């Protein structure tokens, strides 16, 4: 089996600073990455060249002295360097399941269905506003604890993973003063504690999340209804990719916004942006996105930019769905 030259060159460059405590481990790690990069959909035996190499691969992967974060560190460092050469980067956070159902995996736990077994991976994937990939800047893996007799699950609250994810993005933003970092997340990122933590840190990185909570405002008003009642500031049009049996189609949205204090969090203010589809085809559910951000977004250009950035997260969901 011939390893593609481009894959080999990429590995040598990306893992140049790899240090697993032994030069032999470093060489073995790079060779394995080259094998897997040349045949990304193959099994371990299928990617390796012969039984001896397969055994060596399993021995390497089972070595307790090797931590997966040590393997990832050179890649994270290279990602940071790529980020530092750009004016704006989008740090897209999402969680995917690693399904090991039917396998005897030590340390695994239940997935979204309690009978399924595996782990969770929460990664922050970095792209430019033009969707050029800059690769992964951080990641966590963990296993859920089973529910107890009362249906409660122990362990660290999973919302803490998202707050920690923003903290790492904020730390990177301080190290890259000439690059604007934007933390982008879906509904699970709509966490008041995350917004408050960002404010405590001085918001070195912007945040932009899909709104999950129709928060109560002063009086009897609610966030979503208040935003929808405000004036239309602009429009955006784009082609919605086909998915889940639906054909690709053009979407045209009206853009509104409202700047409000975050209820229950003194000193924290957010902007809620509504992108509301108009003239949707008959029988098709309109595309309505409500986003929350620290940015003021006072004009149509700023609103269009924010919606476009969220679309990058929405489109990149295919990356997370595609993980094995």
Protein backbone atom coordinates (compact mmCIF):
# COMPACT_ATOMS: atom_id res chain seq x y z
CA UNK A 1 0.00 0.00 0.00
CA UNK A 2 1.41 3.36 -1.02
CA UNK A 3 0.86 6.29 1.33
CA UNK A 4 -0.14 9.45 -0.47
CA UNK A 5 2.69 11.96 -0.57
CA UNK A 6 0.41 14.84 0.43
CA UNK A 7 -0.82 12.97 3.53
CA UNK A 8 2.75 12.15 4.54
CA UNK A 9 3.93 15.73 4.09
CA UNK A 10 0.96 17.03 6.08
CA UNK A 11 1.66 14.68 8.99
CA UNK A 12 5.38 15.56 9.10
CA UNK A 13 4.52 19.27 9.20
CA UNK A 14 1.54 19.07 11.56
CA UNK A 15 3.28 16.81 14.10
CA UNK A 16 6.74 18.31 13.84
CA UNK A 17 6.81 19.17 17.58
CA UNK A 18 5.28 15.87 18.76
CA UNK A 19 6.91 14.67 22.01
CA UNK A 20 5.68 11.41 23.51
CA UNK A 21 8.79 10.96 25.64
CA UNK A 22 10.60 8.61 23.26
CA UNK A 23 11.70 9.18 19.63
CA UNK A 24 10.49 5.67 18.73
CA UNK A 25 6.98 6.52 19.94
CA UNK A 26 7.07 9.75 17.97
CA UNK A 27 8.01 7.88 14.78
CA UNK A 28 5.38 5.21 15.37
CA UNK A 29 2.70 7.84 15.99
CA UNK A 30 3.50 9.68 12.76
CA UNK A 31 3.52 6.49 10.73
CA UNK A 32 0.13 5.49 12.14
CA UNK A 33 -1.35 8.90 11.38
CA UNK A 34 -0.05 8.63 7.82
CA UNK A 35 -1.65 5.21 7.46
CA UNK A 36 -4.99 6.41 8.81
CA UNK A 37 -4.87 9.62 6.74
CA UNK A 38 -4.28 7.65 3.55
CA UNK A 39 -7.26 5.38 4.27
CA UNK A 40 -9.56 7.33 6.61
CA UNK A 41 -12.57 5.00 6.28
CA UNK A 42 -10.64 1.76 6.80
CA UNK A 43 -10.44 -0.29 9.98
CA UNK A 44 -7.12 -0.44 11.83
CA UNK A 45 -6.14 -3.75 10.17
CA UNK A 46 -7.33 -2.40 6.82
CA UNK A 47 -5.24 0.77 7.15
CA UNK A 48 -2.10 -1.05 8.28
CA UNK A 49 0.27 -2.94 5.98
CA UNK A 50 0.39 -6.48 7.30
CA UNK A 51 -0.28 -8.21 10.57
CA UNK A 52 2.95 -7.09 12.26
CA UNK A 53 2.10 -3.44 11.68
CA UNK A 54 -1.46 -4.05 12.88
CA UNK A 55 -0.19 -5.56 16.14
CA UNK A 56 2.21 -2.64 16.56
CA UNK A 57 -0.69 -0.21 16.05
CA UNK A 58 -2.82 -1.87 18.73
CA UNK A 59 0.17 -1.96 21.07
CA UNK A 60 0.73 1.76 20.52
CA UNK A 61 -2.95 2.64 21.04
CA UNK A 62 -3.03 0.55 24.22
CA UNK A 63 0.09 2.17 25.73
CA UNK A 64 -0.97 3.75 29.03
CA UNK A 65 1.99 6.15 28.85
CA UNK A 66 0.49 7.89 25.81
CA UNK A 67 -2.25 10.42 26.43
CA UNK A 68 -4.47 11.45 23.51
CA UNK A 69 -3.96 15.11 24.46
CA UNK A 70 -0.21 14.71 23.95
CA UNK A 71 -0.99 13.47 20.45
CA UNK A 72 -3.27 16.44 19.78
CA UNK A 73 -1.04 19.19 21.21
CA UNK A 74 1.12 19.72 18.08
CA UNK A 75 -2.05 19.97 15.98
CA UNK A 76 -3.57 22.46 18.41
CA UNK A 77 -0.38 24.53 18.27
CA UNK A 78 -0.45 24.56 14.47
CA UNK A 79 -4.13 25.56 14.50
CA UNK A 80 -3.31 28.49 16.77
CA UNK A 81 -0.57 29.61 14.36
CA UNK A 82 -3.01 29.51 11.44
CA UNK A 83 -5.56 31.51 13.43
CA UNK A 84 -3.01 34.20 14.24
CA UNK A 85 -2.55 35.06 10.56
CA UNK A 86 -6.21 36.07 10.10
CA UNK A 87 -8.36 39.04 11.17
CA UNK A 88 -11.45 36.95 12.14
CA UNK A 89 -11.94 33.26 12.91
CA UNK A 90 -15.06 31.36 13.95
CA UNK A 91 -14.61 28.88 16.81
CA UNK A 92 -17.49 26.45 16.30
CA UNK A 93 -18.30 24.27 19.30
CA UNK A 94 -20.42 21.13 19.18
CA UNK A 95 -20.73 17.69 20.74
CA UNK A 96 -20.89 14.34 18.98
CA UNK A 97 -21.29 10.76 20.17
CA UNK A 98 -18.62 8.09 19.78
CA UNK A 99 -20.79 4.98 19.58
CA UNK A 100 -19.09 1.78 20.79
CA UNK A 101 -22.31 -0.19 21.14
CA UNK A 102 -21.76 -3.94 21.05
CA UNK A 103 -18.09 -3.60 22.02
CA UNK A 104 -16.43 -4.28 25.36
CA UNK A 105 -14.96 -0.81 26.00
CA UNK A 106 -13.51 0.01 29.42
CA UNK A 107 -14.58 3.42 30.70
CA UNK A 108 -17.50 3.90 28.32
CA UNK A 109 -20.94 5.04 29.45
CA UNK A 110 -24.51 5.48 28.21
CA UNK A 111 -25.31 7.71 25.24
CA UNK A 112 -28.54 9.57 24.45
CA UNK A 113 -30.25 6.18 24.57
CA UNK A 114 -29.37 4.60 27.90
CA UNK A 115 -28.88 1.16 26.31
CA UNK A 116 -26.24 2.47 23.89
CA UNK A 117 -22.61 2.59 25.02
CA UNK A 118 -19.87 5.02 24.09
CA UNK A 119 -18.32 8.38 24.89
CA UNK A 120 -18.95 12.03 24.10
CA UNK A 121 -16.56 14.30 22.22
CA UNK A 122 -16.93 18.07 22.57
CA UNK A 123 -14.69 19.80 20.04
CA UNK A 124 -14.11 23.38 18.94
CA UNK A 125 -13.57 23.45 15.19
CA UNK A 126 -12.07 26.62 13.70
CA UNK A 127 -12.95 28.03 10.28
CA UNK A 128 -12.65 31.36 8.53
CA UNK A 129 -15.85 33.32 7.76
CA UNK A 130 -15.40 31.98 4.20
CA UNK A 131 -15.58 28.40 5.59
CA UNK A 132 -11.90 27.63 5.09
CA UNK A 133 -11.02 24.99 7.72
CA UNK A 134 -8.24 25.77 10.19
CA UNK A 135 -8.82 22.53 12.15
CA UNK A 136 -9.50 21.73 15.81
CA UNK A 137 -8.35 24.02 18.62
CA UNK A 138 -9.51 22.01 21.65
CA UNK A 139 -11.53 18.95 22.60
CA UNK A 140 -12.81 16.93 25.54
CA UNK A 141 -13.88 13.31 25.74
CA UNK A 142 -15.90 11.92 28.60
CA UNK A 143 -18.30 9.13 29.51
CA UNK A 144 -21.64 9.73 31.17
CA UNK A 145 -22.42 8.02 34.44
CA UNK A 146 -25.48 5.72 34.41
CA UNK A 147 -28.67 7.02 35.99
CA UNK A 148 -29.29 5.95 39.58
CA UNK A 149 -32.47 4.37 40.92
CA UNK A 150 -34.09 7.82 41.09
CA UNK A 151 -33.24 8.64 37.48
CA UNK A 152 -30.49 11.09 38.42
CA UNK A 153 -27.09 11.10 36.71
CA UNK A 154 -23.92 11.91 38.64
CA UNK A 155 -20.71 13.47 37.40
CA UNK A 156 -19.82 16.93 36.13
CA UNK A 157 -22.69 18.93 34.61
CA UNK A 158 -22.25 18.78 30.85
CA UNK A 159 -22.99 22.50 30.53
CA UNK A 160 -19.61 23.02 32.23
CA UNK A 161 -17.94 21.65 29.07
CA UNK A 162 -19.29 24.58 27.07
CA UNK A 163 -18.23 27.15 29.66
CA UNK A 164 -14.74 25.62 29.72
CA UNK A 165 -14.75 25.64 25.92
CA UNK A 166 -15.43 29.39 25.88
CA UNK A 167 -12.71 29.94 28.50
CA UNK A 168 -10.15 28.27 26.23
CA UNK A 169 -11.30 30.36 23.27
CA UNK A 170 -10.99 33.47 25.46
CA UNK A 171 -7.47 32.43 26.49
CA UNK A 172 -6.54 32.03 22.83
CA UNK A 173 -8.04 35.45 22.06
CA UNK A 174 -5.73 37.10 24.60
CA UNK A 175 -2.76 35.36 22.99
CA UNK A 176 -3.86 36.53 19.51
CA UNK A 177 -4.62 40.25 19.97
CA UNK A 178 -4.72 40.91 16.22
CA UNK A 179 -7.31 38.20 15.54
CA UNK A 180 -10.98 38.48 16.44
CA UNK A 181 -12.23 35.15 17.80
CA UNK A 182 -15.96 34.37 17.75
CA UNK A 183 -17.30 31.47 19.82
CA UNK A 184 -20.26 29.99 17.89
CA UNK A 185 -22.63 27.38 19.32
CA UNK A 186 -26.08 25.92 18.82
CA UNK A 187 -28.95 25.95 21.33
CA UNK A 188 -27.01 24.01 23.97
CA UNK A 189 -24.68 27.01 24.25
CA UNK A 190 -27.49 29.35 25.34
CA UNK A 191 -26.36 29.26 28.96
CA UNK A 192 -26.65 32.32 31.19
CA UNK A 193 -23.65 31.18 33.24
CA UNK A 194 -21.52 31.12 30.07
CA UNK A 195 -22.54 34.68 29.20
CA UNK A 196 -21.78 35.83 32.73
CA UNK A 197 -18.41 34.08 32.70
CA UNK A 198 -17.56 35.77 29.39
CA UNK A 199 -18.41 39.13 30.93
CA UNK A 200 -16.26 38.40 33.98
CA UNK A 201 -13.34 37.66 31.66
CA UNK A 202 -13.89 40.94 29.83
CA UNK A 203 -15.23 39.17 26.72
CA UNK A 204 -11.86 38.81 24.94
CA UNK A 205 -13.74 36.57 22.48
CA UNK A 206 -17.19 37.32 21.11
CA UNK A 207 -19.98 34.77 21.56
CA UNK A 208 -22.85 33.89 19.25
CA UNK A 209 -25.38 31.17 20.08
CA UNK A 210 -28.74 30.01 18.84
CA UNK A 211 -31.36 31.07 21.36
CA UNK A 212 -32.97 28.18 23.24
CA UNK A 213 -34.78 30.08 25.99
CA UNK A 214 -37.59 32.56 25.39
CA UNK A 215 -36.55 34.51 28.46
CA UNK A 216 -38.99 36.62 30.44
CA UNK A 217 -38.18 40.35 30.40
CA UNK A 218 -39.50 43.15 32.56
CA UNK A 219 -43.26 43.26 32.90
CA UNK A 220 -45.03 40.56 30.90
CA UNK A 221 -42.76 40.77 27.86
CA UNK A 222 -40.76 37.81 26.54
CA UNK A 223 -37.53 37.93 24.54
CA UNK A 224 -38.66 36.39 21.26
CA UNK A 225 -41.92 38.31 21.03
CA UNK A 226 -40.14 41.57 21.85
CA UNK A 227 -37.62 41.03 19.07
CA UNK A 228 -40.26 40.03 16.54
CA UNK A 229 -42.22 43.20 17.29
CA UNK A 230 -39.25 45.41 16.48
CA UNK A 231 -38.61 46.96 13.07
CA UNK A 232 -37.05 45.11 10.16
CA UNK A 233 -33.46 46.34 9.72
CA UNK A 234 -32.42 44.29 6.72
CA UNK A 235 -32.76 41.12 4.66
CA UNK A 236 -30.56 38.16 3.83
CA UNK A 237 -30.90 35.55 1.08
CA UNK A 238 -29.03 32.27 0.72
CA UNK A 239 -29.42 28.73 -0.61
CA UNK A 240 -30.38 26.25 2.08
CA UNK A 241 -28.55 22.97 1.36
CA UNK A 242 -30.68 19.86 0.90
CA UNK A 243 -30.84 17.51 3.89
CA UNK A 244 -33.11 14.89 5.51
CA UNK A 245 -34.97 14.28 2.29
CA UNK A 246 -35.55 17.98 1.58
CA UNK A 247 -34.35 19.62 -1.61
CA UNK A 248 -32.03 22.62 -1.59
CA UNK A 249 -33.95 25.89 -1.87
CA UNK A 250 -33.47 29.64 -1.61
CA UNK A 251 -34.33 31.25 1.71
CA UNK A 252 -35.06 34.94 2.23
CA UNK A 253 -35.17 36.22 5.81
CA UNK A 254 -36.12 39.49 7.50
CA UNK A 255 -33.64 40.62 10.14
CA UNK A 256 -34.58 42.20 13.47
CA UNK A 257 -32.70 42.80 16.70
CA UNK A 258 -33.17 43.93 20.26
CA UNK A 259 -30.58 44.78 22.91
CA UNK A 260 -31.74 43.75 26.40
CA UNK A 261 -30.26 43.10 29.86
CA UNK A 262 -29.99 39.40 30.69
CA UNK A 263 -32.65 38.63 33.32
CA UNK A 264 -31.18 37.59 36.65
CA UNK A 265 -27.60 38.44 35.66
CA UNK A 266 -26.73 41.94 36.79
CA UNK A 267 -24.49 43.80 34.36
CA UNK A 268 -24.83 41.30 31.50
CA UNK A 269 -26.48 42.56 28.31
CA UNK A 270 -27.16 40.60 25.15
CA UNK A 271 -28.42 41.27 21.64
CA UNK A 272 -31.10 38.94 20.30
CA UNK A 273 -31.16 38.69 16.50
CA UNK A 274 -34.14 37.24 14.66
CA UNK A 275 -33.74 35.90 11.10
CA UNK A 276 -37.32 35.18 10.03
CA UNK A 277 -38.05 33.55 6.67
CA UNK A 278 -40.66 35.22 4.48
CA UNK A 279 -42.47 33.74 1.46
CA UNK A 280 -41.58 30.15 2.33
CA UNK A 281 -43.00 27.59 -0.14
CA UNK A 282 -46.42 26.17 0.70
CA UNK A 283 -46.18 23.22 3.06
CA UNK A 284 -42.59 24.01 4.06
CA UNK A 285 -41.75 25.08 7.61
CA UNK A 286 -40.16 28.56 7.53
CA UNK A 287 -36.55 28.85 8.63
CA UNK A 288 -36.53 30.98 11.80
CA UNK A 289 -33.28 31.53 13.68
CA UNK A 290 -33.05 33.49 16.90
CA UNK A 291 -29.48 34.22 17.92
CA UNK A 292 -28.01 35.77 21.06
CA UNK A 293 -24.66 37.56 21.11
CA UNK A 294 -22.60 40.04 23.07
CA UNK A 295 -22.20 42.18 19.93
CA UNK A 296 -24.46 45.22 19.58
CA UNK A 297 -25.15 44.65 15.86
CA UNK A 298 -26.80 48.02 15.32
CA UNK A 299 -27.23 47.96 11.54
CA UNK A 300 -28.16 45.64 8.69
CA UNK A 301 -24.54 44.88 7.76
CA UNK A 302 -23.73 43.70 11.29
CA UNK A 303 -26.87 41.55 11.41
CA UNK A 304 -26.12 39.94 8.05
CA UNK A 305 -22.58 39.18 9.23
CA UNK A 306 -23.81 37.48 12.41
CA UNK A 307 -26.38 35.36 10.59
CA UNK A 308 -23.74 34.35 8.04
CA UNK A 309 -21.41 33.34 10.86
CA UNK A 310 -24.14 31.23 12.46
CA UNK A 311 -24.77 29.61 9.08
CA UNK A 312 -21.14 28.49 9.13
CA UNK A 313 -21.86 26.59 12.36
CA UNK A 314 -25.08 25.20 10.94
CA UNK A 315 -23.34 24.02 7.78
CA UNK A 316 -20.37 22.56 9.64
CA UNK A 317 -22.73 20.30 11.58
CA UNK A 318 -22.10 17.83 8.76
CA UNK A 319 -18.52 17.56 10.12
CA UNK A 320 -19.79 16.45 13.53
CA UNK A 321 -22.51 14.20 12.10
CA UNK A 322 -19.85 12.53 9.94
CA UNK A 323 -17.60 11.49 12.81
CA UNK A 324 -17.62 7.70 13.32
